[in-house]
Amino acid sequence: MTQSVLPDVLEPGLHVVFCGTQAGAVSAMRGAYYAGPGNKFWTIIHEIGLVPERFAPQRFRELPRYGIGLTDVAKRSSGPDSALRGNHFDVAGLRDRIAAHRPRWLAFNGKRAAQTALGAAAGSLGYGLQTVTFAGVGIFILPSTSGAAAGYWSPEPWKELALAMTGHDKA
């Protein structure tokens, strides 16, 4: 596959860009980010006050009006993270996209995406605000919203991100 499974949702001046590992199988089939039935992404961004209502995944292109962008580390593959191979990742491309658009925050939706982009061992990464940057942008690592990662789910780091973005607690 030579083109992206899902288009980036990026533009200058965004408050946060959420970066997943790759599109899941259902998301790829439906052509929309976080479209799997067990995915918590659309629910949590509404619950923490980043969007005024719960969006259907097909509305993902509307997110920039709320200061939100979307991308993935592996743009040309889809399916479960267990199927990912090293050649699927494009960390240099991610770095270039983030450097070009300069959001205030880059929020990794799951440790696998962060581990790959940051070149870190998964055990060395904690959730929440990080002390390192990526392409000069502040980083949050968030528990994955994927239904497959439900055992690791916690809304608290997501609330921490919302607090950092708004300067007050909306959750």
C-alpha atoms as a PDB file:
ATOM      1  CA  MET A   1       0.000   0.000   0.000  1.00  0.00           C
ATOM      2  CA  THR A   2       1.454   3.336  -1.014  1.00  0.00           C
ATOM      3  CA  GLN A   3      -1.068   5.872   0.261  1.00  0.00           C
ATOM      4  CA  SER A   4      -2.307   6.635   3.750  1.00  0.00           C
ATOM      5  CA  VAL A   5      -5.122   4.485   5.118  1.00  0.00           C
ATOM      6  CA  LEU A   6      -6.653   7.573   6.752  1.00  0.00           C
ATOM      7  CA  PRO A   7      -5.858  11.184   5.851  1.00  0.00           C
ATOM      8  CA  ASP A   8      -4.053  13.339   8.367  1.00  0.00           C
ATOM      9  CA  VAL A   9      -6.150  16.016  10.016  1.00  0.00           C
ATOM     10  CA  LEU A  10      -3.467  18.653  10.451  1.00  0.00           C
ATOM     11  CA  GLU A  11      -3.224  22.404  10.101  1.00  0.00           C
ATOM     12  CA  PRO A  12      -1.183  25.142  11.774  1.00  0.00           C
ATOM     13  CA  GLY A  13      -2.305  26.428  15.158  1.00  0.00           C
ATOM     14  CA  LEU A  14      -3.901  23.288  16.607  1.00  0.00           C
ATOM     15  CA  HIS A  15      -4.005  22.872  20.380  1.00  0.00           C
ATOM     16  CA  VAL A  16      -3.408  19.118  20.244  1.00  0.00           C
ATOM     17  CA  VAL A  17      -2.740  16.415  17.681  1.00  0.00           C
ATOM     18  CA  PHE A  18      -3.753  12.918  18.745  1.00  0.00           C
ATOM     19  CA  CYS A  19      -1.394  10.309  17.315  1.00  0.00           C
ATOM     20  CA  GLY A  20      -2.350   6.669  17.180  1.00  0.00           C
ATOM     21  CA  THR A  21      -0.229   3.733  16.118  1.00  0.00           C
ATOM     22  CA  GLN A  22      -2.202   2.826  12.988  1.00  0.00           C
ATOM     23  CA  ALA A  23      -5.805   2.665  11.822  1.00  0.00           C
ATOM     24  CA  GLY A  24      -7.661  -0.305  13.221  1.00  0.00           C
ATOM     25  CA  ALA A  25      -9.399  -2.698  10.841  1.00  0.00           C
ATOM     26  CA  VAL A  26     -12.858  -1.180  11.398  1.00  0.00           C
ATOM     27  CA  SER A  27     -11.504   2.369  11.051  1.00  0.00           C
ATOM     28  CA  ALA A  28      -9.805   1.454   7.775  1.00  0.00           C
ATOM     29  CA  MET A  29     -12.977  -0.198   6.479  1.00  0.00           C
ATOM     30  CA  ARG A  30     -15.163   2.782   7.452  1.00  0.00           C
ATOM     31  CA  GLY A  31     -12.598   5.417   6.424  1.00  0.00           C
ATOM     32  CA  ALA A  32     -12.815   7.165   9.802  1.00  0.00           C
ATOM     33  CA  TYR A  33     -10.563   7.468  12.841  1.00  0.00           C
ATOM     34  CA  TYR A  34     -11.425   5.507  16.005  1.00  0.00           C
ATOM     35  CA  ALA A  35     -14.475   3.847  14.388  1.00  0.00           C
ATOM     36  CA  GLY A  36     -14.264   0.474  16.170  1.00  0.00           C
ATOM     37  CA  PRO A  37     -17.332  -0.223  18.325  1.00  0.00           C
ATOM     38  CA  GLY A  38     -15.332  -0.522  21.560  1.00  0.00           C
ATOM     39  CA  ASN A  39     -13.148   2.548  21.009  1.00  0.00           C
ATOM     40  CA  LYS A  40     -13.530   5.239  23.682  1.00  0.00           C
ATOM     41  CA  PHE A  41     -11.919   8.134  21.750  1.00  0.00           C
ATOM     42  CA  TRP A  42     -15.079  10.029  20.776  1.00  0.00           C
ATOM     43  CA  THR A  43     -16.628   9.546  24.198  1.00  0.00           C
ATOM     44  CA  ILE A  44     -13.575  10.697  26.171  1.00  0.00           C
ATOM     45  CA  ILE A  45     -12.842  13.836  24.132  1.00  0.00           C
ATOM     46  CA  HIS A  46     -16.440  14.888  24.760  1.00  0.00           C
ATOM     47  CA  GLU A  47     -16.379  13.912  28.472  1.00  0.00           C
ATOM     48  CA  ILE A  48     -13.236  15.979  29.122  1.00  0.00           C
ATOM     49  CA  GLY A  49     -14.685  18.984  27.321  1.00  0.00           C
ATOM     50  CA  LEU A  50     -12.598  19.124  24.145  1.00  0.00           C
ATOM     51  CA  VAL A  51     -15.681  18.922  21.898  1.00  0.00           C
ATOM     52  CA  PRO A  52     -19.224  20.085  22.768  1.00  0.00           C
ATOM     53  CA  GLU A  53     -20.973  16.834  21.828  1.00  0.00           C
ATOM     54  CA  ARG A  54     -20.123  13.213  21.145  1.00  0.00           C
ATOM     55  CA  PHE A  55     -19.125  12.994  17.495  1.00  0.00           C
ATOM     56  CA  ALA A  56     -19.662  10.043  15.202  1.00  0.00           C
ATOM     57  CA  PRO A  57     -16.276   8.875  13.832  1.00  0.00           C
ATOM     58  CA  GLN A  58     -17.259  10.026  10.328  1.00  0.00           C
ATOM     59  CA  ARG A  59     -17.121  13.636  11.589  1.00  0.00           C
ATOM     60  CA  PHE A  60     -13.365  13.471  12.218  1.00  0.00           C
ATOM     61  CA  ARG A  61     -12.659  16.172   9.602  1.00  0.00           C
ATOM     62  CA  GLU A  62     -14.509  18.703  11.811  1.00  0.00           C
ATOM     63  CA  LEU A  63     -12.010  18.452  14.679  1.00  0.00           C
ATOM     64  CA  PRO A  64      -9.722  21.340  13.645  1.00  0.00           C
ATOM     65  CA  ARG A  65     -12.493  23.817  14.468  1.00  0.00           C
ATOM     66  CA  TYR A  66     -11.955  22.684  18.097  1.00  0.00           C
ATOM     67  CA  GLY A  67      -8.161  22.893  17.848  1.00  0.00           C
ATOM     68  CA  ILE A  68      -7.738  19.124  17.433  1.00  0.00           C
ATOM     69  CA  GLY A  69      -5.799  17.173  14.809  1.00  0.00           C
ATOM     70  CA  LEU A  70      -5.293  13.476  14.082  1.00  0.00           C
ATOM     71  CA  THR A  71      -2.489  11.331  12.672  1.00  0.00           C
ATOM     72  CA  ASP A  72      -0.810   7.939  13.118  1.00  0.00           C
ATOM     73  CA  VAL A  73       2.796   6.729  13.287  1.00  0.00           C
ATOM     74  CA  ALA A  74       2.046   4.001  10.713  1.00  0.00           C
ATOM     75  CA  LYS A  75       0.005   5.697   7.977  1.00  0.00           C
ATOM     76  CA  ARG A  76       0.069   2.986   5.310  1.00  0.00           C
ATOM     77  CA  SER A  77      -1.073  -0.057   7.276  1.00  0.00           C
ATOM     78  CA  SER A  78      -4.129  -1.021   9.303  1.00  0.00           C
ATOM     79  CA  GLY A  79      -5.271  -3.701  11.698  1.00  0.00           C
ATOM     80  CA  PRO A  80      -4.268  -4.752  15.205  1.00  0.00           C
ATOM     81  CA  ASP A  81      -1.015  -3.447  16.662  1.00  0.00           C
ATOM     82  CA  SER A  82       0.189  -7.052  16.916  1.00  0.00           C
ATOM     83  CA  ALA A  83       0.394  -7.150  13.102  1.00  0.00           C
ATOM     84  CA  LEU A  84       2.721  -4.124  12.908  1.00  0.00           C
ATOM     85  CA  ARG A  85       6.268  -4.592  11.666  1.00  0.00           C
ATOM     86  CA  GLY A  86       9.168  -2.154  11.832  1.00  0.00           C
ATOM     87  CA  ASN A  87       8.855  -1.137   8.201  1.00  0.00           C
ATOM     88  CA  HIS A  88       5.254   0.005   8.768  1.00  0.00           C
ATOM     89  CA  PHE A  89       6.369   2.921  10.948  1.00  0.00           C
ATOM     90  CA  ASP A  90       7.310   6.318   9.571  1.00  0.00           C
ATOM     91  CA  VAL A  91       8.744   8.222  12.525  1.00  0.00           C
ATOM     92  CA  ALA A  92      10.617  10.658  10.256  1.00  0.00           C
ATOM     93  CA  GLY A  93       7.375  11.442   8.410  1.00  0.00           C
ATOM     94  CA  LEU A  94       5.574  11.999  11.721  1.00  0.00           C
ATOM     95  CA  ARG A  95       8.359  14.293  12.905  1.00  0.00           C
ATOM     96  CA  ASP A  96       8.144  16.280   9.650  1.00  0.00           C
ATOM     97  CA  ARG A  97       4.347  16.612   9.890  1.00  0.00           C
ATOM     98  CA  ILE A  98       4.454  17.760  13.508  1.00  0.00           C
ATOM     99  CA  ALA A  99       7.334  20.184  12.850  1.00  0.00           C
ATOM    100  CA  ALA A 100       5.459  21.662   9.879  1.00  0.00           C
ATOM    101  CA  HIS A 101       2.191  22.209  11.779  1.00  0.00           C
ATOM    102  CA  ARG A 102       3.555  22.967  15.282  1.00  0.00           C
ATOM    103  CA  PRO A 103       0.588  22.057  17.503  1.00  0.00           C
ATOM    104  CA  ARG A 104       0.863  23.008  21.157  1.00  0.00           C
ATOM    105  CA  TRP A 105       0.708  19.348  22.225  1.00  0.00           C
ATOM    106  CA  LEU A 106       1.247  15.948  20.644  1.00  0.00           C
ATOM    107  CA  ALA A 107      -0.824  13.375  22.515  1.00  0.00           C
ATOM    108  CA  PHE A 108      -0.040   9.726  21.842  1.00  0.00           C
ATOM    109  CA  ASN A 109      -3.141   7.554  22.051  1.00  0.00           C
ATOM    110  CA  GLY A 110      -1.393   4.552  23.590  1.00  0.00           C
ATOM    111  CA  LYS A 111       2.114   3.646  24.654  1.00  0.00           C
ATOM    112  CA  ARG A 112       2.918   1.705  21.460  1.00  0.00           C
ATOM    113  CA  ALA A 113       2.690   4.851  19.329  1.00  0.00           C
ATOM    114  CA  ALA A 114       4.775   6.807  21.855  1.00  0.00           C
ATOM    115  CA  GLN A 115       7.339   4.039  22.241  1.00  0.00           C
ATOM    116  CA  THR A 116       7.863   3.895  18.494  1.00  0.00           C
ATOM    117  CA  ALA A 117       8.033   7.653  17.956  1.00  0.00           C
ATOM    118  CA  LEU A 118      10.273   8.302  20.949  1.00  0.00           C
ATOM    119  CA  GLY A 119      12.484   5.235  20.562  1.00  0.00           C
ATOM    120  CA  ALA A 120      11.804   4.262  24.164  1.00  0.00           C
ATOM    121  CA  ALA A 121      11.125   0.983  25.907  1.00  0.00           C
ATOM    122  CA  ALA A 122       7.436   0.736  26.804  1.00  0.00           C
ATOM    123  CA  GLY A 123       8.243   0.120  30.470  1.00  0.00           C
ATOM    124  CA  SER A 124      10.163   3.402  30.633  1.00  0.00           C
ATOM    125  CA  LEU A 125       7.143   5.487  29.638  1.00  0.00           C
ATOM    126  CA  GLY A 126       4.523   6.699  32.048  1.00  0.00           C
ATOM    127  CA  TYR A 127       1.170   8.226  31.230  1.00  0.00           C
ATOM    128  CA  GLY A 128       0.653  11.967  31.282  1.00  0.00           C
ATOM    129  CA  LEU A 129       2.849  14.955  30.503  1.00  0.00           C
ATOM    130  CA  GLN A 130       6.388  14.011  29.443  1.00  0.00           C
ATOM    131  CA  THR A 131       9.648  15.849  30.100  1.00  0.00           C
ATOM    132  CA  VAL A 132      10.846  15.379  26.510  1.00  0.00           C
ATOM    133  CA  THR A 133       9.514  16.973  23.347  1.00  0.00           C
ATOM    134  CA  PHE A 134       8.960  15.677  19.817  1.00  0.00           C
ATOM    135  CA  ALA A 135       9.805  18.041  16.951  1.00  0.00           C
ATOM    136  CA  GLY A 136       9.844  20.827  19.559  1.00  0.00           C
ATOM    137  CA  VAL A 137       6.283  20.056  20.727  1.00  0.00           C
ATOM    138  CA  GLY A 138       5.178  19.065  24.231  1.00  0.00           C
ATOM    139  CA  ILE A 139       4.096  15.450  24.659  1.00  0.00           C
ATOM    140  CA  PHE A 140       1.352  13.636  26.519  1.00  0.00           C
ATOM    141  CA  ILE A 141       1.090   9.853  26.602  1.00  0.00           C
ATOM    142  CA  LEU A 142      -2.459   8.653  27.087  1.00  0.00           C
ATOM    143  CA  PRO A 143      -3.965   5.223  27.727  1.00  0.00           C
ATOM    144  CA  SER A 144      -5.154   3.792  24.431  1.00  0.00           C
ATOM    145  CA  THR A 145      -8.833   4.233  23.680  1.00  0.00           C
ATOM    146  CA  SER A 146      -8.881   0.935  21.760  1.00  0.00           C
ATOM    147  CA  GLY A 147     -11.251  -1.702  23.057  1.00  0.00           C
ATOM    148  CA  ALA A 148      -8.333  -4.157  22.808  1.00  0.00           C
ATOM    149  CA  ALA A 149      -6.496  -2.130  25.467  1.00  0.00           C
ATOM    150  CA  ALA A 150      -9.430  -1.853  27.889  1.00  0.00           C
ATOM    151  CA  GLY A 151      -7.395  -3.456  30.687  1.00  0.00           C
ATOM    152  CA  TYR A 152      -5.076  -0.426  30.705  1.00  0.00           C
ATOM    153  CA  TRP A 153      -7.796   2.213  30.477  1.00  0.00           C
ATOM    154  CA  SER A 154      -7.902   5.203  32.770  1.00  0.00           C
ATOM    155  CA  PRO A 155      -9.492   8.572  32.002  1.00  0.00           C
ATOM    156  CA  GLU A 156      -7.172  10.419  34.415  1.00  0.00           C
ATOM    157  CA  PRO A 157      -4.304  11.192  31.952  1.00  0.00           C
ATOM    158  CA  TRP A 158      -6.943  12.386  29.458  1.00  0.00           C
ATOM    159  CA  LYS A 159      -8.308  14.759  32.120  1.00  0.00           C
ATOM    160  CA  GLU A 160      -4.742  15.961  32.782  1.00  0.00           C
ATOM    161  CA  LEU A 161      -4.403  16.803  29.082  1.00  0.00           C
ATOM    162  CA  ALA A 162      -7.691  18.728  29.110  1.00  0.00           C
ATOM    163  CA  LEU A 163      -6.533  20.660  32.158  1.00  0.00           C
ATOM    164  CA  ALA A 164      -3.245  21.555  30.445  1.00  0.00           C
ATOM    165  CA  MET A 165      -5.105  22.642  27.308  1.00  0.00           C
ATOM    166  CA  THR A 166      -7.741  24.783  28.996  1.00  0.00           C
ATOM    167  CA  GLY A 167      -6.020  25.947  32.139  1.00  0.00           C
ATOM    168  CA  HIS A 168      -8.953  24.756  34.251  1.00  0.00           C
ATOM    169  CA  ASP A 169     -10.612  21.450  35.024  1.00  0.00           C
ATOM    170  CA  LYS A 170     -13.495  20.675  32.654  1.00  0.00           C
ATOM    171  CA  ALA A 171     -13.755  16.983  33.470  1.00  0.00           C
END
